[in-house]
Amino acid sequence: MNFSEMIKIIDNFLPEKEFLNIKNLMEGSEFPWSFNNSKVRDDDGKVQFTHTFFKYKKGRNSDWLNLWNNLMKKIEAKECYRIKANLTLKTLSHEFTGWHTDNTDPSLKTSIFYINTNNGYTEFENGVRIESVSNRICVFDSNLMHRGVGHTIPDTYRIVVNFNYS
């Protein structure tokens, strides 16, 4: 199978009203974000804000976990391992996270759901780039090497939500 065939992109993934409810909540002043002093590895020197909706066997369930019920059905998730949102701030030039896999188990999937449109992107090790477009989802095997690339325009922030599941 061709590498790019292992990456599926779907635009306008959620119904508009549902998507806008999620977007407005996550961009609102009442939504709780936590400061993290790393993005991929503890010593990477990069910062971001996160919100963990769910973490398998860790007892972390956000009050907003139910926001993702429809999305999880649409991606046909059988068992969820983690749902985590990342909020990064605009920089003067594109900043790259470290290359990583979400899991080494080839049976697991990762989906990245993009909340706002900007010039940041997800890059795979073969050079495939998935642009950050509102209400877009990118689905791929969790063992594919990838990295996030920060944005420089237009919004002050970039929000993506990562789903790891079988």
N, C-alpha and C. Protein backbone atom coordinates (compact mmCIF):
# COMPACT_ATOMS: atom_id res chain seq x y z
N MET A 1 0.85 -1.19 0.00
CA MET A 1 0.00 0.00 0.00
C MET A 1 0.89 1.25 0.00
N ASN A 2 0.55 2.19 -0.81
CA ASN A 2 1.24 3.47 -0.89
C ASN A 2 1.06 4.24 0.41
N PHE A 3 2.12 4.90 0.87
CA PHE A 3 2.08 5.65 2.13
C PHE A 3 0.93 6.65 2.18
N SER A 4 0.75 7.40 1.09
CA SER A 4 -0.31 8.42 1.09
C SER A 4 -1.71 7.80 1.08
N GLU A 5 -1.81 6.51 0.70
CA GLU A 5 -3.10 5.83 0.76
C GLU A 5 -3.48 5.46 2.19
N MET A 6 -2.50 5.48 3.09
CA MET A 6 -2.76 5.16 4.49
C MET A 6 -3.26 6.37 5.27
N ILE A 7 -3.33 7.51 4.61
CA ILE A 7 -3.79 8.75 5.23
C ILE A 7 -5.11 9.15 4.57
N LYS A 8 -6.15 9.28 5.36
CA LYS A 8 -7.46 9.63 4.84
C LYS A 8 -7.83 11.02 5.35
N ILE A 9 -8.27 11.89 4.45
CA ILE A 9 -8.66 13.26 4.81
C ILE A 9 -10.12 13.45 4.44
N ILE A 10 -10.89 13.96 5.39
CA ILE A 10 -12.31 14.24 5.14
C ILE A 10 -12.59 15.67 5.58
N ASP A 11 -13.03 16.50 4.65
CA ASP A 11 -13.41 17.88 4.97
C ASP A 11 -14.88 17.94 5.37
N ASN A 12 -15.25 18.99 6.09
CA ASN A 12 -16.62 19.19 6.57
C ASN A 12 -17.12 17.92 7.27
N PHE A 13 -16.30 17.42 8.18
CA PHE A 13 -16.54 16.12 8.80
C PHE A 13 -17.79 16.08 9.66
N LEU A 14 -17.97 17.08 10.50
CA LEU A 14 -19.16 17.13 11.36
C LEU A 14 -20.19 18.06 10.75
N PRO A 15 -21.47 17.84 11.05
CA PRO A 15 -22.49 18.80 10.62
C PRO A 15 -22.12 20.20 11.13
N GLU A 16 -22.39 21.21 10.32
CA GLU A 16 -21.94 22.58 10.64
C GLU A 16 -22.35 23.05 12.03
N LYS A 17 -23.61 22.82 12.41
CA LYS A 17 -24.07 23.29 13.72
C LYS A 17 -23.29 22.62 14.86
N GLU A 18 -23.09 21.31 14.74
CA GLU A 18 -22.34 20.58 15.76
C GLU A 18 -20.90 21.08 15.83
N PHE A 19 -20.28 21.25 14.65
CA PHE A 19 -18.91 21.73 14.62
C PHE A 19 -18.79 23.11 15.25
N LEU A 20 -19.69 24.02 14.90
CA LEU A 20 -19.60 25.39 15.44
C LEU A 20 -19.82 25.41 16.95
N ASN A 21 -20.66 24.53 17.48
CA ASN A 21 -20.83 24.44 18.94
C ASN A 21 -19.51 24.04 19.60
N ILE A 22 -18.82 23.06 19.02
CA ILE A 22 -17.52 22.61 19.56
C ILE A 22 -16.49 23.73 19.44
N LYS A 23 -16.40 24.32 18.26
CA LYS A 23 -15.43 25.39 18.01
C LYS A 23 -15.65 26.57 18.95
N ASN A 24 -16.89 27.00 19.08
CA ASN A 24 -17.18 28.14 19.95
C ASN A 24 -16.87 27.83 21.41
N LEU A 25 -17.15 26.62 21.84
CA LEU A 25 -16.81 26.23 23.21
C LEU A 25 -15.30 26.25 23.43
N MET A 26 -14.55 25.61 22.53
CA MET A 26 -13.10 25.49 22.71
C MET A 26 -12.37 26.81 22.55
N GLU A 27 -12.95 27.73 21.80
CA GLU A 27 -12.35 29.06 21.64
C GLU A 27 -12.86 30.06 22.67
N GLY A 28 -13.78 29.63 23.52
CA GLY A 28 -14.38 30.53 24.49
C GLY A 28 -13.54 30.69 25.75
N SER A 29 -13.83 31.72 26.50
CA SER A 29 -13.06 32.04 27.71
C SER A 29 -13.35 31.10 28.87
N GLU A 30 -14.41 30.31 28.79
CA GLU A 30 -14.76 29.40 29.89
C GLU A 30 -14.14 28.00 29.74
N PHE A 31 -13.56 27.71 28.57
CA PHE A 31 -13.01 26.38 28.35
C PHE A 31 -11.66 26.25 29.05
N PRO A 32 -11.46 25.18 29.85
CA PRO A 32 -10.22 25.05 30.62
C PRO A 32 -9.06 24.44 29.82
N TRP A 33 -8.00 25.20 29.67
CA TRP A 33 -6.77 24.74 29.05
C TRP A 33 -5.70 24.65 30.13
N SER A 34 -4.84 23.66 30.01
CA SER A 34 -3.74 23.49 30.95
C SER A 34 -2.42 23.76 30.25
N PHE A 35 -1.53 24.46 30.94
CA PHE A 35 -0.21 24.76 30.39
C PHE A 35 0.67 23.52 30.44
N ASN A 36 1.34 23.22 29.33
CA ASN A 36 2.33 22.13 29.27
C ASN A 36 3.66 22.71 28.82
N ASN A 37 4.72 22.35 29.50
CA ASN A 37 6.04 22.88 29.12
C ASN A 37 6.76 21.96 28.14
N SER A 38 6.00 21.14 27.41
CA SER A 38 6.56 20.30 26.34
C SER A 38 5.43 19.95 25.37
N LYS A 39 5.84 19.53 24.17
CA LYS A 39 4.85 19.11 23.17
C LYS A 39 4.91 17.62 22.90
N VAL A 40 6.10 17.11 22.60
CA VAL A 40 6.23 15.69 22.26
C VAL A 40 7.02 14.94 23.33
N ARG A 41 8.15 15.52 23.74
CA ARG A 41 9.00 14.90 24.77
C ARG A 41 9.19 15.87 25.93
N ASP A 42 9.38 15.33 27.11
CA ASP A 42 9.50 16.17 28.30
C ASP A 42 10.58 17.23 28.19
N ASP A 43 11.62 16.98 27.45
CA ASP A 43 12.74 17.91 27.38
C ASP A 43 12.81 18.67 26.05
N ASP A 44 11.70 18.79 25.32
CA ASP A 44 11.77 19.38 23.98
C ASP A 44 11.81 20.91 23.97
N GLY A 45 11.58 21.56 25.11
CA GLY A 45 11.68 23.01 25.17
C GLY A 45 10.57 23.77 24.47
N LYS A 46 9.50 23.10 24.12
CA LYS A 46 8.37 23.73 23.42
C LYS A 46 7.16 23.73 24.35
N VAL A 47 6.33 24.75 24.26
CA VAL A 47 5.18 24.84 25.15
C VAL A 47 3.88 24.83 24.35
N GLN A 48 2.82 24.41 25.02
CA GLN A 48 1.49 24.42 24.44
C GLN A 48 0.47 24.34 25.58
N PHE A 49 -0.77 24.54 25.23
CA PHE A 49 -1.87 24.34 26.17
C PHE A 49 -2.62 23.10 25.72
N THR A 50 -3.10 22.31 26.68
CA THR A 50 -3.80 21.08 26.34
C THR A 50 -5.07 20.93 27.17
N HIS A 51 -5.94 20.10 26.67
CA HIS A 51 -7.13 19.69 27.42
C HIS A 51 -7.31 18.20 27.14
N THR A 52 -7.20 17.37 28.17
CA THR A 52 -7.39 15.94 28.01
C THR A 52 -8.86 15.61 28.25
N PHE A 53 -9.52 15.16 27.20
CA PHE A 53 -10.92 14.77 27.30
C PHE A 53 -11.05 13.37 27.90
N PHE A 54 -10.07 12.51 27.51
CA PHE A 54 -10.13 11.11 27.97
C PHE A 54 -8.75 10.50 27.87
N LYS A 55 -8.40 9.71 28.89
CA LYS A 55 -7.15 8.93 28.85
C LYS A 55 -7.42 7.57 29.44
N TYR A 56 -7.23 6.55 28.64
CA TYR A 56 -7.51 5.16 28.98
C TYR A 56 -6.78 4.75 30.26
N LYS A 57 -7.54 4.15 31.16
CA LYS A 57 -7.01 3.62 32.43
C LYS A 57 -6.37 4.67 33.33
N LYS A 58 -6.61 5.95 33.08
CA LYS A 58 -6.03 6.99 33.93
C LYS A 58 -7.12 7.72 34.71
N GLY A 59 -8.38 7.38 34.46
CA GLY A 59 -9.47 8.02 35.18
C GLY A 59 -9.67 9.48 34.83
N ARG A 60 -9.14 9.89 33.67
CA ARG A 60 -9.31 11.28 33.25
C ARG A 60 -10.45 11.38 32.27
N ASN A 61 -11.54 11.91 32.73
CA ASN A 61 -12.67 12.16 31.85
C ASN A 61 -13.08 13.61 32.01
N SER A 62 -13.00 14.35 30.96
CA SER A 62 -13.39 15.75 30.97
C SER A 62 -14.90 15.89 31.06
N ASP A 63 -15.36 16.99 31.59
CA ASP A 63 -16.78 17.30 31.61
C ASP A 63 -17.35 17.43 30.19
N TRP A 64 -16.48 17.61 29.21
CA TRP A 64 -16.90 17.82 27.82
C TRP A 64 -16.64 16.60 26.95
N LEU A 65 -16.41 15.44 27.53
CA LEU A 65 -16.14 14.23 26.76
C LEU A 65 -17.26 13.90 25.78
N ASN A 66 -18.50 14.13 26.17
CA ASN A 66 -19.64 13.79 25.31
C ASN A 66 -19.68 14.59 24.01
N LEU A 67 -18.91 15.68 23.92
CA LEU A 67 -18.84 16.44 22.66
C LEU A 67 -18.43 15.56 21.49
N TRP A 68 -17.68 14.51 21.80
CA TRP A 68 -17.06 13.71 20.75
C TRP A 68 -17.81 12.42 20.44
N ASN A 69 -18.98 12.21 21.00
CA ASN A 69 -19.72 10.96 20.75
C ASN A 69 -20.00 10.74 19.27
N ASN A 70 -20.49 11.75 18.59
CA ASN A 70 -20.81 11.61 17.17
C ASN A 70 -19.55 11.39 16.34
N LEU A 71 -18.50 12.14 16.61
CA LEU A 71 -17.26 11.98 15.88
C LEU A 71 -16.72 10.57 16.05
N MET A 72 -16.74 10.05 17.27
CA MET A 72 -16.22 8.70 17.52
C MET A 72 -17.04 7.64 16.76
N LYS A 73 -18.34 7.87 16.65
CA LYS A 73 -19.16 6.95 15.84
C LYS A 73 -18.78 7.04 14.38
N LYS A 74 -18.57 8.25 13.88
CA LYS A 74 -18.25 8.44 12.47
C LYS A 74 -16.90 7.85 12.08
N ILE A 75 -15.94 7.83 13.00
CA ILE A 75 -14.64 7.22 12.68
C ILE A 75 -14.62 5.73 13.02
N GLU A 76 -15.78 5.24 13.49
CA GLU A 76 -15.98 3.82 13.80
C GLU A 76 -14.98 3.30 14.85
N ALA A 77 -14.77 4.11 15.88
CA ALA A 77 -13.89 3.72 16.97
C ALA A 77 -14.58 2.65 17.82
N LYS A 78 -13.86 1.59 18.10
CA LYS A 78 -14.38 0.52 18.95
C LYS A 78 -13.97 0.75 20.40
N GLU A 79 -12.72 1.13 20.60
CA GLU A 79 -12.22 1.39 21.94
C GLU A 79 -11.33 2.64 21.89
N CYS A 80 -11.57 3.56 22.79
CA CYS A 80 -10.83 4.81 22.82
C CYS A 80 -9.68 4.71 23.83
N TYR A 81 -8.52 5.24 23.45
CA TYR A 81 -7.37 5.26 24.34
C TYR A 81 -7.04 6.66 24.83
N ARG A 82 -7.26 7.65 23.98
CA ARG A 82 -6.99 9.02 24.41
C ARG A 82 -7.67 10.00 23.46
N ILE A 83 -8.19 11.08 24.05
CA ILE A 83 -8.67 12.24 23.29
C ILE A 83 -8.04 13.45 23.95
N LYS A 84 -7.23 14.18 23.19
CA LYS A 84 -6.51 15.32 23.76
C LYS A 84 -6.48 16.47 22.77
N ALA A 85 -6.82 17.66 23.24
CA ALA A 85 -6.76 18.86 22.42
C ALA A 85 -5.45 19.59 22.69
N ASN A 86 -4.88 20.15 21.64
CA ASN A 86 -3.67 20.95 21.74
C ASN A 86 -3.95 22.35 21.21
N LEU A 87 -3.56 23.35 21.96
CA LEU A 87 -3.65 24.73 21.53
C LEU A 87 -2.24 25.30 21.53
N THR A 88 -1.79 25.73 20.36
CA THR A 88 -0.48 26.37 20.23
C THR A 88 -0.67 27.80 19.79
N LEU A 89 0.31 28.63 20.10
CA LEU A 89 0.23 30.05 19.77
C LEU A 89 1.02 30.37 18.51
N LYS A 90 0.57 31.41 17.82
CA LYS A 90 1.20 31.86 16.58
C LYS A 90 2.65 32.26 16.86
N THR A 91 3.52 31.95 15.90
CA THR A 91 4.93 32.32 16.00
C THR A 91 5.35 33.06 14.73
N LEU A 92 6.54 33.66 14.76
CA LEU A 92 7.03 34.42 13.60
C LEU A 92 7.41 33.52 12.43
N SER A 93 7.83 32.29 12.73
CA SER A 93 8.15 31.33 11.67
C SER A 93 7.58 29.97 12.09
N HIS A 94 7.42 29.09 11.14
CA HIS A 94 6.87 27.76 11.45
C HIS A 94 7.79 27.03 12.43
N GLU A 95 7.21 26.55 13.52
CA GLU A 95 7.96 25.76 14.49
C GLU A 95 7.52 24.31 14.36
N PHE A 96 8.49 23.41 14.41
CA PHE A 96 8.25 21.99 14.20
C PHE A 96 8.34 21.24 15.52
N THR A 97 7.38 20.35 15.77
CA THR A 97 7.52 19.46 16.92
C THR A 97 8.46 18.33 16.49
N GLY A 98 8.84 17.49 17.43
CA GLY A 98 9.67 16.35 17.09
C GLY A 98 8.88 15.30 16.32
N TRP A 99 9.58 14.55 15.49
CA TRP A 99 8.96 13.43 14.80
C TRP A 99 8.55 12.41 15.85
N HIS A 100 7.38 11.82 15.67
CA HIS A 100 6.90 10.83 16.64
C HIS A 100 5.80 9.97 16.04
N THR A 101 5.52 8.87 16.72
CA THR A 101 4.34 8.07 16.44
C THR A 101 3.45 8.18 17.67
N ASP A 102 2.16 8.05 17.48
CA ASP A 102 1.26 8.10 18.63
C ASP A 102 1.25 6.78 19.38
N ASN A 103 1.54 5.69 18.65
CA ASN A 103 1.61 4.37 19.26
C ASN A 103 2.31 3.46 18.25
N THR A 104 3.02 2.46 18.73
CA THR A 104 3.70 1.55 17.82
C THR A 104 2.83 0.39 17.37
N ASP A 105 1.66 0.24 17.97
CA ASP A 105 0.74 -0.85 17.62
C ASP A 105 0.08 -0.53 16.27
N PRO A 106 0.36 -1.33 15.22
CA PRO A 106 -0.20 -1.04 13.90
C PRO A 106 -1.70 -1.20 13.79
N SER A 107 -2.34 -1.78 14.80
CA SER A 107 -3.80 -1.94 14.75
C SER A 107 -4.53 -0.69 15.26
N LEU A 108 -3.81 0.24 15.87
CA LEU A 108 -4.43 1.45 16.40
C LEU A 108 -4.46 2.56 15.35
N LYS A 109 -5.44 3.43 15.48
CA LYS A 109 -5.62 4.56 14.58
C LYS A 109 -5.44 5.87 15.34
N THR A 110 -5.06 6.88 14.60
CA THR A 110 -5.03 8.25 15.09
C THR A 110 -5.89 9.08 14.16
N SER A 111 -6.67 9.98 14.73
CA SER A 111 -7.38 10.98 13.94
C SER A 111 -7.02 12.33 14.51
N ILE A 112 -6.72 13.27 13.64
CA ILE A 112 -6.49 14.65 14.04
C ILE A 112 -7.62 15.47 13.48
N PHE A 113 -8.31 16.17 14.37
CA PHE A 113 -9.46 17.00 13.99
C PHE A 113 -9.05 18.46 14.15
N TYR A 114 -9.19 19.23 13.09
CA TYR A 114 -8.73 20.62 13.06
C TYR A 114 -9.88 21.56 13.39
N ILE A 115 -9.68 22.39 14.40
CA ILE A 115 -10.72 23.30 14.87
C ILE A 115 -10.71 24.62 14.09
N ASN A 116 -9.53 25.14 13.77
CA ASN A 116 -9.50 26.41 13.04
C ASN A 116 -8.53 26.32 11.85
N THR A 117 -8.80 27.18 10.86
CA THR A 117 -8.00 27.22 9.65
C THR A 117 -6.83 28.18 9.86
N ASN A 118 -5.64 27.71 9.49
CA ASN A 118 -4.43 28.54 9.58
C ASN A 118 -3.36 27.89 8.71
N ASN A 119 -2.17 28.46 8.69
CA ASN A 119 -1.13 27.89 7.83
C ASN A 119 -0.22 26.89 8.55
N GLY A 120 -0.66 26.38 9.69
CA GLY A 120 0.02 25.26 10.32
C GLY A 120 -0.41 23.98 9.62
N TYR A 121 0.29 22.89 9.91
CA TYR A 121 -0.06 21.63 9.24
C TYR A 121 0.51 20.45 10.01
N THR A 122 0.06 19.27 9.60
CA THR A 122 0.62 18.01 10.08
C THR A 122 1.46 17.47 8.94
N GLU A 123 2.69 17.09 9.25
CA GLU A 123 3.60 16.59 8.22
C GLU A 123 3.99 15.15 8.54
N PHE A 124 3.98 14.31 7.52
CA PHE A 124 4.41 12.93 7.65
C PHE A 124 5.82 12.81 7.13
N GLU A 125 6.54 11.77 7.57
CA GLU A 125 7.96 11.66 7.27
C GLU A 125 8.27 11.57 5.77
N ASN A 126 7.29 11.20 4.96
CA ASN A 126 7.53 11.14 3.51
C ASN A 126 7.25 12.49 2.83
N GLY A 127 6.93 13.52 3.63
CA GLY A 127 6.71 14.85 3.08
C GLY A 127 5.25 15.21 2.87
N VAL A 128 4.32 14.27 3.02
CA VAL A 128 2.90 14.57 2.88
C VAL A 128 2.51 15.58 3.97
N ARG A 129 1.83 16.64 3.56
CA ARG A 129 1.39 17.68 4.49
C ARG A 129 -0.13 17.78 4.49
N ILE A 130 -0.70 17.82 5.68
CA ILE A 130 -2.14 18.00 5.83
C ILE A 130 -2.35 19.38 6.43
N GLU A 131 -2.94 20.27 5.64
CA GLU A 131 -3.15 21.65 6.07
C GLU A 131 -4.22 21.71 7.17
N SER A 132 -4.07 22.68 8.05
CA SER A 132 -5.07 22.91 9.12
C SER A 132 -6.27 23.64 8.53
N VAL A 133 -7.36 22.94 8.38
CA VAL A 133 -8.60 23.49 7.83
C VAL A 133 -9.72 23.15 8.81
N SER A 134 -10.49 24.14 9.20
CA SER A 134 -11.61 23.94 10.13
C SER A 134 -12.49 22.79 9.70
N ASN A 135 -12.86 21.94 10.66
CA ASN A 135 -13.78 20.82 10.46
C ASN A 135 -13.22 19.77 9.50
N ARG A 136 -11.90 19.66 9.43
CA ARG A 136 -11.24 18.61 8.65
C ARG A 136 -10.75 17.55 9.63
N ILE A 137 -10.78 16.30 9.20
CA ILE A 137 -10.20 15.23 9.99
C ILE A 137 -9.19 14.48 9.12
N CYS A 138 -8.11 14.09 9.74
CA CYS A 138 -7.07 13.30 9.10
C CYS A 138 -6.96 12.00 9.88
N VAL A 139 -7.14 10.87 9.21
CA VAL A 139 -7.14 9.55 9.86
C VAL A 139 -5.95 8.75 9.32
N PHE A 140 -5.18 8.14 10.23
CA PHE A 140 -4.02 7.36 9.80
C PHE A 140 -3.66 6.33 10.87
N ASP A 141 -2.81 5.38 10.50
CA ASP A 141 -2.34 4.39 11.45
C ASP A 141 -1.46 5.07 12.49
N SER A 142 -1.66 4.73 13.76
CA SER A 142 -0.95 5.39 14.86
C SER A 142 0.56 5.19 14.82
N ASN A 143 1.04 4.22 14.06
CA ASN A 143 2.47 3.98 14.00
C ASN A 143 3.17 4.75 12.88
N LEU A 144 2.45 5.63 12.18
CA LEU A 144 3.08 6.45 11.14
C LEU A 144 3.80 7.63 11.79
N MET A 145 5.04 7.84 11.38
CA MET A 145 5.86 8.93 11.89
C MET A 145 5.33 10.26 11.34
N HIS A 146 5.10 11.21 12.23
CA HIS A 146 4.56 12.52 11.84
C HIS A 146 5.00 13.58 12.84
N ARG A 147 4.69 14.83 12.51
CA ARG A 147 4.95 15.95 13.42
C ARG A 147 3.98 17.07 13.14
N GLY A 148 3.76 17.87 14.17
CA GLY A 148 2.94 19.06 14.00
C GLY A 148 3.83 20.23 13.64
N VAL A 149 3.29 21.12 12.82
CA VAL A 149 4.02 22.31 12.42
C VAL A 149 3.15 23.52 12.77
N GLY A 150 3.70 24.39 13.59
CA GLY A 150 2.97 25.56 14.06
C GLY A 150 2.66 26.54 12.94
N HIS A 151 1.81 27.50 13.27
CA HIS A 151 1.33 28.45 12.27
C HIS A 151 1.91 29.85 12.51
N THR A 152 1.83 30.67 11.46
CA THR A 152 2.27 32.07 11.54
C THR A 152 1.13 33.04 11.25
N ILE A 153 0.08 32.57 10.58
CA ILE A 153 -1.09 33.39 10.27
C ILE A 153 -2.31 32.49 10.23
N PRO A 154 -3.53 32.95 10.32
CA PRO A 154 -3.94 34.29 10.69
C PRO A 154 -4.25 34.42 12.19
N ASP A 155 -4.81 33.37 12.80
CA ASP A 155 -5.26 33.47 14.19
C ASP A 155 -4.10 33.51 15.17
N THR A 156 -4.38 33.93 16.38
CA THR A 156 -3.39 33.93 17.45
C THR A 156 -3.06 32.50 17.88
N TYR A 157 -3.96 31.58 17.66
CA TYR A 157 -3.81 30.21 18.15
C TYR A 157 -4.17 29.20 17.06
N ARG A 158 -3.74 27.97 17.28
CA ARG A 158 -4.09 26.82 16.44
C ARG A 158 -4.60 25.74 17.38
N ILE A 159 -5.77 25.17 17.08
CA ILE A 159 -6.33 24.12 17.91
C ILE A 159 -6.56 22.87 17.07
N VAL A 160 -6.01 21.75 17.57
CA VAL A 160 -6.29 20.44 16.98
C VAL A 160 -6.68 19.50 18.11
N VAL A 161 -7.46 18.49 17.78
CA VAL A 161 -7.84 17.47 18.75
C VAL A 161 -7.37 16.13 18.22
N ASN A 162 -6.62 15.41 19.05
CA ASN A 162 -6.06 14.11 18.68
C ASN A 162 -6.86 12.99 19.31
N PHE A 163 -7.18 12.00 18.50
CA PHE A 163 -7.93 10.81 18.96
C PHE A 163 -7.06 9.59 18.69
N ASN A 164 -6.88 8.75 19.69
CA ASN A 164 -6.18 7.47 19.54
C ASN A 164 -7.15 6.37 19.92
N TYR A 165 -7.33 5.38 19.05
CA TYR A 165 -8.40 4.40 19.23
C TYR A 165 -8.14 3.16 18.40
N SER A 166 -8.94 2.15 18.67
CA SER A 166 -8.91 0.94 17.82
C SER A 166 -10.26 0.81 17.14
